[in-house]
Amino acid sequence: MALSSADIRIAFDALSSEFEDAGECAEFVVVGGAALVLLYNARETTKDVDAFFLNPEAAKVRVAAERVARLLDLPADWLNDGAKATWSG
């Protein structure tokens, strides 16, 4: 499934609601194709959102992202922290 800017923003809104309902917040840095779609309009779609999770722990973000995937019928790995392997900051 290809994710457009609108799809990603809807998913982020749902993810935000997940954390708001739990009284928490999540911070992450979006990189790769999703950054090109969201920030630069350099591409129309991306297959997933690569990110580096800053907080809370990655496990909480993954669980919330899985709930969002089920809610919005997105691929289970629509949001992933694969970017952590290249993060140096």
Protein backbone atom coordinates (compact mmCIF):
# COMPACT_ATOMS: atom_id res chain seq x y z
CA MET A 1 0.00 0.00 0.00
CA ALA A 2 1.36 3.41 -0.94
CA LEU A 3 0.96 6.12 1.68
CA SER A 4 0.28 9.68 0.53
CA SER A 5 0.88 12.80 2.58
CA ALA A 6 -2.81 12.80 3.53
CA ASP A 7 -2.66 9.13 4.58
CA ILE A 8 0.37 9.76 6.78
CA ARG A 9 -1.18 12.83 8.39
CA ILE A 10 -4.37 10.89 9.17
CA ALA A 11 -2.27 8.10 10.68
CA PHE A 12 -0.26 10.61 12.73
CA ASP A 13 -3.50 12.17 14.01
CA ALA A 14 -4.72 8.73 15.07
CA LEU A 15 -1.35 7.95 16.66
CA SER A 16 -1.48 11.25 18.53
CA SER A 17 -4.92 10.33 19.86
CA GLU A 18 -3.56 6.99 21.07
CA PHE A 19 -0.96 8.75 23.18
CA GLU A 20 -3.26 11.54 24.28
CA ASP A 21 -5.80 9.00 25.54
CA ALA A 22 -2.99 7.37 27.56
CA GLY A 23 -1.84 10.73 28.92
CA GLU A 24 1.51 10.42 27.15
CA CYS A 25 3.25 11.87 24.14
CA ALA A 26 5.50 10.43 21.48
CA GLU A 27 8.36 12.12 19.72
CA PHE A 28 10.15 10.78 16.70
CA VAL A 29 12.13 12.00 13.74
CA VAL A 30 10.73 11.10 10.32
CA VAL A 31 13.30 10.31 7.64
CA GLY A 32 13.51 8.74 4.20
CA GLY A 33 10.65 8.60 1.75
CA ALA A 34 8.07 9.83 4.25
CA ALA A 35 10.11 12.99 4.86
CA LEU A 36 10.26 13.55 1.12
CA VAL A 37 6.49 13.12 0.88
CA LEU A 38 5.58 15.24 3.92
CA LEU A 39 8.15 18.02 3.91
CA TYR A 40 9.35 18.47 0.37
CA ASN A 41 6.58 17.11 -1.89
CA ALA A 42 9.41 15.41 -3.76
CA ARG A 43 7.36 12.22 -4.03
CA GLU A 44 3.65 11.55 -3.98
CA THR A 45 3.77 8.38 -1.87
CA THR A 46 5.96 6.12 0.22
CA LYS A 47 5.56 2.52 1.29
CA ASP A 48 6.13 3.24 4.99
CA VAL A 49 7.23 5.82 7.52
CA ASP A 50 10.83 5.37 8.64
CA ALA A 51 11.50 7.07 11.93
CA PHE A 52 13.82 7.29 14.88
CA PHE A 53 11.78 7.12 18.09
CA LEU A 54 12.94 9.62 20.72
CA ASN A 55 10.39 8.84 23.42
CA PRO A 56 8.66 6.99 24.89
CA GLU A 57 10.37 3.65 24.51
CA ALA A 58 10.04 2.13 21.07
CA ALA A 59 7.81 -0.69 22.30
CA LYS A 60 5.03 1.75 23.27
CA VAL A 61 5.20 3.47 19.89
CA ARG A 62 5.08 0.11 18.09
CA VAL A 63 2.00 -1.01 20.04
CA ALA A 64 0.21 2.27 19.35
CA ALA A 65 1.20 2.14 15.67
CA GLU A 66 -0.19 -1.40 15.43
CA ARG A 67 -3.52 -0.21 16.84
CA VAL A 68 -3.57 2.63 14.30
CA ALA A 69 -2.77 0.15 11.52
CA ARG A 70 -5.78 -1.97 12.47
CA LEU A 71 -8.03 1.08 12.83
CA LEU A 72 -7.07 2.58 9.45
CA ASP A 73 -6.40 -0.67 7.58
CA LEU A 74 -2.72 0.18 7.10
CA PRO A 75 0.15 -2.27 6.77
CA ALA A 76 1.32 -3.46 10.20
CA ASP A 77 4.73 -1.89 9.61
CA TRP A 78 3.48 1.47 8.31
CA LEU A 79 5.60 3.14 11.03
CA ASN A 80 8.94 1.60 11.85
CA ASP A 81 12.11 2.51 13.65
CA GLY A 82 14.45 1.07 11.04
CA ALA A 83 16.13 4.46 10.83
CA LYS A 84 17.75 3.85 14.22
CA ALA A 85 20.51 1.90 12.47
CA THR A 86 21.66 5.05 10.69
CA TRP A 87 21.06 7.58 13.49
CA SER A 88 24.16 9.13 14.98
CA GLY A 89 22.71 12.17 16.73
